[in-house]
PDB file of N, CA and C in Angstrom:
ATOM      1  N   UNK A   1     140.311 114.579  91.179  1.00  0.00           N
ATOM      2  CA  UNK A   1     140.569 113.200  90.589  1.00  0.00           C
ATOM      3  C   UNK A   1     141.961 112.713  91.211  1.00  0.00           C
ATOM      4  N   UNK A   2     142.039 111.517  91.385  1.00  0.00           N
ATOM      5  CA  UNK A   2     143.272 110.773  92.039  1.00  0.00           C
ATOM      6  C   UNK A   2     144.357 110.810  91.035  1.00  0.00           C
ATOM      7  N   UNK A   3     145.419 110.840  91.572  1.00  0.00           N
ATOM      8  CA  UNK A   3     146.704 111.005  90.761  1.00  0.00           C
ATOM      9  C   UNK A   3     146.881 109.613  89.878  1.00  0.00           C
ATOM     10  N   UNK A   4     146.367 108.728  90.561  1.00  0.00           N
ATOM     11  CA  UNK A   4     146.342 107.140  89.941  1.00  0.00           C
ATOM     12  C   UNK A   4     145.311 107.328  88.607  1.00  0.00           C
ATOM     13  N   UNK A   5     144.271 108.055  88.727  1.00  0.00           N
ATOM     14  CA  UNK A   5     143.351 108.141  87.666  1.00  0.00           C
ATOM     15  C   UNK A   5     144.014 108.986  86.622  1.00  0.00           C
ATOM     16  N   UNK A   6     144.698 110.026  87.045  1.00  0.00           N
ATOM     17  CA  UNK A   6     145.399 111.015  85.994  1.00  0.00           C
ATOM     18  C   UNK A   6     146.447 110.133  85.160  1.00  0.00           C
ATOM     19  N   UNK A   7     147.171 109.302  85.870  1.00  0.00           N
ATOM     20  CA  UNK A   7     148.242 108.523  85.120  1.00  0.00           C
ATOM     21  C   UNK A   7     147.364 107.564  84.229  1.00  0.00           C
ATOM     22  N   UNK A   8     146.359 106.933  84.645  1.00  0.00           N
ATOM     23  CA  UNK A   8     145.630 105.981  83.658  1.00  0.00           C
ATOM     24  C   UNK A   8     145.143 106.706  82.528  1.00  0.00           C
ATOM     25  N   UNK A   9     144.596 108.027  82.739  1.00  0.00           N
ATOM     26  CA  UNK A   9     144.037 108.898  81.698  1.00  0.00           C
ATOM     27  C   UNK A   9     144.984 109.212  80.715  1.00  0.00           C
ATOM     28  N   UNK A  10     146.293 109.673  81.102  1.00  0.00           N
ATOM     29  CA  UNK A  10     147.356 109.911  80.336  1.00  0.00           C
ATOM     30  C   UNK A  10     147.919 108.711  79.455  1.00  0.00           C
ATOM     31  N   UNK A  11     147.844 107.656  80.116  1.00  0.00           N
ATOM     32  CA  UNK A  11     148.430 106.207  79.524  1.00  0.00           C
ATOM     33  C   UNK A  11     147.518 105.927  78.370  1.00  0.00           C
ATOM     34  N   UNK A  12     146.180 105.819  78.853  1.00  0.00           N
ATOM     35  CA  UNK A  12     145.018 105.561  77.779  1.00  0.00           C
ATOM     36  C   UNK A  12     145.023 106.379  76.652  1.00  0.00           C
ATOM     37  N   UNK A  13     145.162 107.711  76.868  1.00  0.00           N
ATOM     38  CA  UNK A  13     145.060 108.539  75.781  1.00  0.00           C
ATOM     39  C   UNK A  13     146.305 108.357  74.824  1.00  0.00           C
ATOM     40  N   UNK A  14     147.220 107.996  75.209  1.00  0.00           N
ATOM     41  CA  UNK A  14     148.551 107.688  74.389  1.00  0.00           C
ATOM     42  C   UNK A  14     148.381 106.372  73.628  1.00  0.00           C
ATOM     43  N   UNK A  15     147.655 105.442  74.398  1.00  0.00           N
ATOM     44  CA  UNK A  15     147.734 103.950  73.699  1.00  0.00           C
ATOM     45  C   UNK A  15     146.305 103.726  73.109  1.00  0.00           C
ATOM     46  N   UNK A  16     145.300 104.310  73.341  1.00  0.00           N
ATOM     47  CA  UNK A  16     143.921 103.791  72.934  1.00  0.00           C
ATOM     48  C   UNK A  16     143.249 104.925  72.069  1.00  0.00           C
ATOM     49  N   UNK A  17     143.252 104.817  70.805  1.00  0.00           N
ATOM     50  CA  UNK A  17     142.500 105.849  69.952  1.00  0.00           C
ATOM     51  C   UNK A  17     141.024 106.125  70.377  1.00  0.00           C
ATOM     52  N   UNK A  18     140.306 105.136  70.819  1.00  0.00           N
ATOM     53  CA  UNK A  18     138.989 105.414  71.258  1.00  0.00           C
ATOM     54  C   UNK A  18     138.953 106.266  72.454  1.00  0.00           C
ATOM     55  N   UNK A  19     139.756 105.961  73.377  1.00  0.00           N
ATOM     56  CA  UNK A  19     139.861 106.709  74.610  1.00  0.00           C
ATOM     57  C   UNK A  19     140.246 108.189  74.348  1.00  0.00           C
ATOM     58  N   UNK A  20     141.172 108.359  73.463  1.00  0.00           N
ATOM     59  CA  UNK A  20     141.682 109.539  73.112  1.00  0.00           C
ATOM     60  C   UNK A  20     140.526 110.385  72.466  1.00  0.00           C
ATOM     61  N   UNK A  21     139.720 109.790  71.627  1.00  0.00           N
ATOM     62  CA  UNK A  21     138.674 110.555  70.848  1.00  0.00           C
ATOM     63  C   UNK A  21     137.637 110.897  71.936  1.00  0.00           C
ATOM     64  N   UNK A  22     137.300 110.057  72.912  1.00  0.00           N
ATOM     65  CA  UNK A  22     136.311 110.368  73.995  1.00  0.00           C
ATOM     66  C   UNK A  22     136.878 111.539  74.715  1.00  0.00           C
ATOM     67  N   UNK A  23     138.140 111.367  75.101  1.00  0.00           N
ATOM     68  CA  UNK A  23     138.608 112.541  75.996  1.00  0.00           C
ATOM     69  C   UNK A  23     138.622 113.865  75.416  1.00  0.00           C
ATOM     70  N   UNK A  24     138.832 113.878  74.175  1.00  0.00           N
ATOM     71  CA  UNK A  24     138.921 115.136  73.202  1.00  0.00           C
ATOM     72  C   UNK A  24     137.460 115.730  73.187  1.00  0.00           C
ATOM     73  N   UNK A  25     136.393 114.661  72.942  1.00  0.00           N
ATOM     74  CA  UNK A  25     135.105 115.143  72.776  1.00  0.00           C
ATOM     75  C   UNK A  25     134.679 115.690  74.130  1.00  0.00           C
ATOM     76  N   UNK A  26     134.980 115.004  75.168  1.00  0.00           N
ATOM     77  CA  UNK A  26     134.723 115.504  76.554  1.00  0.00           C
ATOM     78  C   UNK A  26     135.025 116.924  76.822  1.00  0.00           C
ATOM     79  N   UNK A  27     136.443 117.235  76.521  1.00  0.00           N
ATOM     80  CA  UNK A  27     136.848 118.567  76.675  1.00  0.00           C
ATOM     81  C   UNK A  27     135.983 119.577  75.825  1.00  0.00           C
ATOM     82  N   UNK A  28     135.819 119.206  74.594  1.00  0.00           N
ATOM     83  CA  UNK A  28     135.077 119.974  73.530  1.00  0.00           C
ATOM     84  C   UNK A  28     133.661 120.249  74.140  1.00  0.00           C
ATOM     85  N   UNK A  29     132.962 119.223  74.781  1.00  0.00           N
ATOM     86  CA  UNK A  29     131.594 119.352  75.251  1.00  0.00           C
ATOM     87  C   UNK A  29     131.669 120.146  76.426  1.00  0.00           C
ATOM     88  N   UNK A  30     132.798 120.097  77.138  1.00  0.00           N
ATOM     89  CA  UNK A  30     132.945 121.009  78.399  1.00  0.00           C
ATOM     90  C   UNK A  30     132.872 122.461  78.040  1.00  0.00           C
ATOM     91  N   UNK A  31     133.660 122.638  76.964  1.00  0.00           N
ATOM     92  CA  UNK A  31     133.760 124.049  76.433  1.00  0.00           C
ATOM     93  C   UNK A  31     132.410 124.629  76.031  1.00  0.00           C
ATOM     94  N   UNK A  32     131.715 123.772  75.150  1.00  0.00           N
ATOM     95  CA  UNK A  32     130.336 124.249  74.662  1.00  0.00           C
ATOM     96  C   UNK A  32     129.442 124.376  75.752  1.00  0.00           C
ATOM     97  N   UNK A  33     129.406 123.713  76.794  1.00  0.00           N
ATOM     98  CA  UNK A  33     128.457 123.812  77.865  1.00  0.00           C
ATOM     99  C   UNK A  33     128.733 125.102  78.530  1.00  0.00           C
ATOM    100  N   UNK A  34     130.064 125.379  78.775  1.00  0.00           N
ATOM    101  CA  UNK A  34     130.598 126.629  79.302  1.00  0.00           C
ATOM    102  C   UNK A  34     129.887 127.768  78.710  1.00  0.00           C
ATOM    103  N   UNK A  35     130.041 127.701  77.381  1.00  0.00           N
ATOM    104  CA  UNK A  35     129.439 128.840  76.517  1.00  0.00           C
ATOM    105  C   UNK A  35     128.032 129.075  76.811  1.00  0.00           C
ATOM    106  N   UNK A  36     127.103 127.885  76.798  1.00  0.00           N
ATOM    107  CA  UNK A  36     125.814 127.983  77.090  1.00  0.00           C
ATOM    108  C   UNK A  36     125.549 128.732  78.574  1.00  0.00           C
ATOM    109  N   UNK A  37     126.399 128.144  79.441  1.00  0.00           N
ATOM    110  CA  UNK A  37     126.273 128.615  80.859  1.00  0.00           C
ATOM    111  C   UNK A  37     126.633 129.987  80.981  1.00  0.00           C
ATOM    112  N   UNK A  38     127.405 130.679  80.132  1.00  0.00           N
ATOM    113  CA  UNK A  38     127.786 131.946  80.250  1.00  0.00           C
ATOM    114  C   UNK A  38     126.644 132.865  79.717  1.00  0.00           C
ATOM    115  N   UNK A  39     125.851 132.418  79.022  1.00  0.00           N
ATOM    116  CA  UNK A  39     124.669 133.179  78.536  1.00  0.00           C
ATOM    117  C   UNK A  39     123.616 133.388  79.606  1.00  0.00           C
ATOM    118  N   UNK A  40     122.982 134.537  79.723  1.00  0.00           N
ATOM    119  CA  UNK A  40     121.997 134.729  80.616  1.00  0.00           C
ATOM    120  C   UNK A  40     120.634 134.254  80.285  1.00  0.00           C
ATOM    121  N   UNK A  41     120.487 133.992  79.048  1.00  0.00           N
ATOM    122  CA  UNK A  41     119.206 133.323  78.614  1.00  0.00           C
ATOM    123  C   UNK A  41     119.435 132.422  77.455  1.00  0.00           C
ATOM    124  N   UNK A  42     118.722 131.289  77.449  1.00  0.00           N
ATOM    125  CA  UNK A  42     118.879 130.314  76.377  1.00  0.00           C
ATOM    126  C   UNK A  42     117.462 130.228  75.699  1.00  0.00           C
ATOM    127  N   UNK A  43     117.536 130.303  74.294  1.00  0.00           N
ATOM    128  CA  UNK A  43     116.254 129.978  73.565  1.00  0.00           C
ATOM    129  C   UNK A  43     115.907 128.422  73.718  1.00  0.00           C
ATOM    130  N   UNK A  44     114.716 128.158  73.324  1.00  0.00           N
ATOM    131  CA  UNK A  44     114.241 126.713  73.414  1.00  0.00           C
ATOM    132  C   UNK A  44     115.222 125.907  72.563  1.00  0.00           C
ATOM    133  N   UNK A  45     115.776 126.210  71.484  1.00  0.00           N
ATOM    134  CA  UNK A  45     116.738 125.494  70.579  1.00  0.00           C
ATOM    135  C   UNK A  45     117.997 125.280  71.368  1.00  0.00           C
ATOM    136  N   UNK A  46     118.542 126.508  71.954  1.00  0.00           N
ATOM    137  CA  UNK A  46     119.718 126.343  72.748  1.00  0.00           C
ATOM    138  C   UNK A  46     119.590 125.470  73.968  1.00  0.00           C
ATOM    139  N   UNK A  47     118.448 125.619  74.565  1.00  0.00           N
ATOM    140  CA  UNK A  47     118.351 124.644  75.801  1.00  0.00           C
ATOM    141  C   UNK A  47     118.308 123.162  75.309  1.00  0.00           C
ATOM    142  N   UNK A  48     117.551 122.953  74.358  1.00  0.00           N
ATOM    143  CA  UNK A  48     117.501 121.456  73.763  1.00  0.00           C
ATOM    144  C   UNK A  48     118.987 120.979  73.512  1.00  0.00           C
ATOM    145  N   UNK A  49     119.661 121.834  72.697  1.00  0.00           N
ATOM    146  CA  UNK A  49     121.125 121.587  72.517  1.00  0.00           C
ATOM    147  C   UNK A  49     121.932 121.314  73.566  1.00  0.00           C
ATOM    148  N   UNK A  50     121.851 122.231  74.637  1.00  0.00           N
ATOM    149  CA  UNK A  50     122.580 122.097  75.930  1.00  0.00           C
ATOM    150  C   UNK A  50     122.302 120.749  76.438  1.00  0.00           C
ATOM    151  N   UNK A  51     121.080 120.368  76.594  1.00  0.00           N
ATOM    152  CA  UNK A  51     120.691 119.148  77.218  1.00  0.00           C
ATOM    153  C   UNK A  51     121.431 117.897  76.453  1.00  0.00           C
ATOM    154  N   UNK A  52     121.390 117.989  75.001  1.00  0.00           N
ATOM    155  CA  UNK A  52     121.917 116.990  74.136  1.00  0.00           C
ATOM    156  C   UNK A  52     123.401 116.873  74.454  1.00  0.00           C
ATOM    157  N   UNK A  53     124.081 118.110  74.630  1.00  0.00           N
ATOM    158  CA  UNK A  53     125.436 117.819  74.737  1.00  0.00           C
ATOM    159  C   UNK A  53     125.845 117.455  76.237  1.00  0.00           C
ATOM    160  N   UNK A  54     124.971 117.753  77.164  1.00  0.00           N
ATOM    161  CA  UNK A  54     125.101 117.186  78.437  1.00  0.00           C
ATOM    162  C   UNK A  54     125.116 115.481  78.486  1.00  0.00           C
ATOM    163  N   UNK A  55     124.090 115.055  77.698  1.00  0.00           N
ATOM    164  CA  UNK A  55     123.916 113.663  77.769  1.00  0.00           C
ATOM    165  C   UNK A  55     125.101 113.004  76.999  1.00  0.00           C
ATOM    166  N   UNK A  56     125.542 113.580  76.014  1.00  0.00           N
ATOM    167  CA  UNK A  56     126.805 113.056  75.108  1.00  0.00           C
ATOM    168  C   UNK A  56     127.918 113.092  76.085  1.00  0.00           C
ATOM    169  N   UNK A  57     128.131 114.023  76.797  1.00  0.00           N
ATOM    170  CA  UNK A  57     129.239 114.288  77.752  1.00  0.00           C
ATOM    171  C   UNK A  57     129.234 113.264  78.785  1.00  0.00           C
ATOM    172  N   UNK A  58     128.189 112.934  79.239  1.00  0.00           N
ATOM    173  CA  UNK A  58     127.934 112.028  80.388  1.00  0.00           C
ATOM    174  C   UNK A  58     128.179 110.645  79.813  1.00  0.00           C
ATOM    175  N   UNK A  59     127.619 110.338  78.610  1.00  0.00           N
ATOM    176  CA  UNK A  59     127.901 108.864  77.903  1.00  0.00           C
ATOM    177  C   UNK A  59     129.224 108.668  77.765  1.00  0.00           C
ATOM    178  N   UNK A  60     130.045 109.761  77.293  1.00  0.00           N
ATOM    179  CA  UNK A  60     131.366 109.659  77.030  1.00  0.00           C
ATOM    180  C   UNK A  60     132.177 109.466  78.419  1.00  0.00           C
ATOM    181  N   UNK A  61     131.829 110.209  79.307  1.00  0.00           N
ATOM    182  CA  UNK A  61     132.484 110.088  80.705  1.00  0.00           C
ATOM    183  C   UNK A  61     132.399 108.599  81.307  1.00  0.00           C
ATOM    184  N   UNK A  62     131.098 108.143  81.122  1.00  0.00           N
ATOM    185  CA  UNK A  62     130.882 106.885  81.607  1.00  0.00           C
ATOM    186  C   UNK A  62     131.721 105.674  80.904  1.00  0.00           C
ATOM    187  N   UNK A  63     131.805 105.885  79.535  1.00  0.00           N
ATOM    188  CA  UNK A  63     132.677 104.930  78.835  1.00  0.00           C
ATOM    189  C   UNK A  63     134.092 105.051  79.352  1.00  0.00           C
ATOM    190  N   UNK A  64     134.565 106.269  79.452  1.00  0.00           N
ATOM    191  CA  UNK A  64     136.022 106.462  79.778  1.00  0.00           C
ATOM    192  C   UNK A  64     136.268 105.904  81.183  1.00  0.00           C
ATOM    193  N   UNK A  65     135.353 106.010  82.073  1.00  0.00           N
ATOM    194  CA  UNK A  65     135.449 105.573  83.456  1.00  0.00           C
ATOM    195  C   UNK A  65     135.545 104.015  83.479  1.00  0.00           C
ATOM    196  N   UNK A  66     134.759 103.323  82.475  1.00  0.00           N
ATOM    197  CA  UNK A  66     134.831 101.821  82.396  1.00  0.00           C
ATOM    198  C   UNK A  66     136.349 101.467  81.928  1.00  0.00           C
ATOM    199  N   UNK A  67     136.826 102.291  80.875  1.00  0.00           N
ATOM    200  CA  UNK A  67     138.103 101.965  80.364  1.00  0.00           C
ATOM    201  C   UNK A  67     139.177 102.104  81.431  1.00  0.00           C
ATOM    202  N   UNK A  68     139.076 103.251  82.255  1.00  0.00           N
ATOM    203  CA  UNK A  68     140.090 103.443  83.243  1.00  0.00           C
ATOM    204  C   UNK A  68     140.040 102.243  84.336  1.00  0.00           C
ATOM    205  N   UNK A  69     138.737 101.914  84.748  1.00  0.00           N
ATOM    206  CA  UNK A  69     138.615 100.825  85.715  1.00  0.00           C
ATOM    207  C   UNK A  69     139.193  99.581  85.089  1.00  0.00           C
ATOM    208  N   UNK A  70     138.937  99.086  83.849  1.00  0.00           N
ATOM    209  CA  UNK A  70     139.327  98.014  83.158  1.00  0.00           C
ATOM    210  C   UNK A  70     141.045  98.092  83.132  1.00  0.00           C
ATOM    211  N   UNK A  71     141.527  99.154  82.998  1.00  0.00           N
ATOM    212  CA  UNK A  71     142.998  99.305  83.072  1.00  0.00           C
ATOM    213  C   UNK A  71     143.817  99.133  84.189  1.00  0.00           C
ATOM    214  N   UNK A  72     142.920  99.388  85.272  1.00  0.00           N
ATOM    215  CA  UNK A  72     143.519  98.910  86.656  1.00  0.00           C
ATOM    216  C   UNK A  72     143.715  97.567  86.986  1.00  0.00           C
ATOM    217  N   UNK A  73     142.826  96.621  86.297  1.00  0.00           N
ATOM    218  CA  UNK A  73     142.849  95.288  86.595  1.00  0.00           C
ATOM    219  C   UNK A  73     143.834  94.488  86.002  1.00  0.00           C
TER     220      UNK A  73
END
Protein backbone atom coordinates (compact mmCIF):
# COMPACT_ATOMS: atom_id res chain seq x y z
CA UNK A 1 0.00 0.00 0.00
CA UNK A 2 1.23 3.48 -0.76
CA UNK A 3 2.55 5.62 2.07
CA UNK A 4 0.00 8.26 1.09
CA UNK A 5 -2.79 5.71 1.60
CA UNK A 6 -1.34 4.71 4.97
CA UNK A 7 -1.43 8.37 6.04
CA UNK A 8 -5.04 8.66 4.87
CA UNK A 9 -6.00 5.46 6.68
CA UNK A 10 -4.37 6.66 9.90
CA UNK A 11 -6.07 10.05 9.70
CA UNK A 12 -9.47 8.61 8.82
CA UNK A 13 -9.20 6.06 11.64
CA UNK A 14 -8.67 8.91 14.08
CA UNK A 15 -11.31 11.26 12.67
CA UNK A 16 -14.08 9.05 11.29
CA UNK A 17 -15.87 6.57 13.60
CA UNK A 18 -17.40 4.68 10.65
CA UNK A 19 -14.01 4.24 9.00
CA UNK A 20 -12.46 3.13 12.30
CA UNK A 21 -15.22 0.53 12.76
CA UNK A 22 -14.75 -0.76 9.20
CA UNK A 23 -10.98 -0.96 9.66
CA UNK A 24 -11.33 -2.88 12.94
CA UNK A 25 -13.83 -5.28 11.32
CA UNK A 26 -11.46 -5.73 8.38
CA UNK A 27 -8.65 -6.78 10.71
CA UNK A 28 -10.98 -9.13 12.60
CA UNK A 29 -12.22 -10.72 9.37
CA UNK A 30 -8.61 -11.13 8.23
CA UNK A 31 -7.83 -13.02 11.43
CA UNK A 32 -10.92 -15.22 11.14
CA UNK A 33 -10.13 -16.08 7.53
CA UNK A 34 -6.57 -16.98 8.49
CA UNK A 35 -7.94 -19.40 11.09
CA UNK A 36 -10.07 -21.09 8.42
CA UNK A 37 -7.13 -21.15 6.01
CA UNK A 38 -4.98 -22.87 8.62
CA UNK A 39 -7.37 -25.81 8.73
CA UNK A 40 -6.71 -28.70 6.39
CA UNK A 41 -10.43 -29.39 5.95
CA UNK A 42 -13.55 -27.26 6.30
CA UNK A 43 -16.99 -28.64 6.98
CA UNK A 44 -19.83 -27.39 4.79
CA UNK A 45 -20.89 -24.97 7.53
CA UNK A 46 -17.33 -23.67 7.94
CA UNK A 47 -16.98 -23.22 4.19
CA UNK A 48 -20.22 -21.22 4.05
CA UNK A 49 -19.11 -19.08 7.01
CA UNK A 50 -15.71 -18.50 5.40
CA UNK A 51 -17.35 -17.28 2.19
CA UNK A 52 -19.68 -15.03 4.19
CA UNK A 53 -16.70 -13.49 6.00
CA UNK A 54 -14.88 -12.98 2.68
CA UNK A 55 -17.87 -11.08 1.28
CA UNK A 56 -18.20 -8.92 4.39
CA UNK A 57 -14.48 -8.17 4.35
CA UNK A 58 -14.59 -7.18 0.68
CA UNK A 59 -17.66 -4.96 1.15
CA UNK A 60 -15.93 -3.17 4.03
CA UNK A 61 -12.72 -2.81 2.04
CA UNK A 62 -14.64 -1.29 -0.86
CA UNK A 63 -16.33 1.22 1.45
CA UNK A 64 -13.00 2.13 3.06
CA UNK A 65 -11.41 2.60 -0.37
CA UNK A 66 -14.17 5.05 -1.31
CA UNK A 67 -13.57 6.98 1.91
CA UNK A 68 -9.82 7.13 1.27
CA UNK A 69 -10.42 8.31 -2.29
CA UNK A 70 -12.88 10.97 -1.13
CA UNK A 71 -10.42 12.21 1.50
CA UNK A 72 -7.82 12.86 -1.19
CA UNK A 73 -10.12 15.19 -3.12
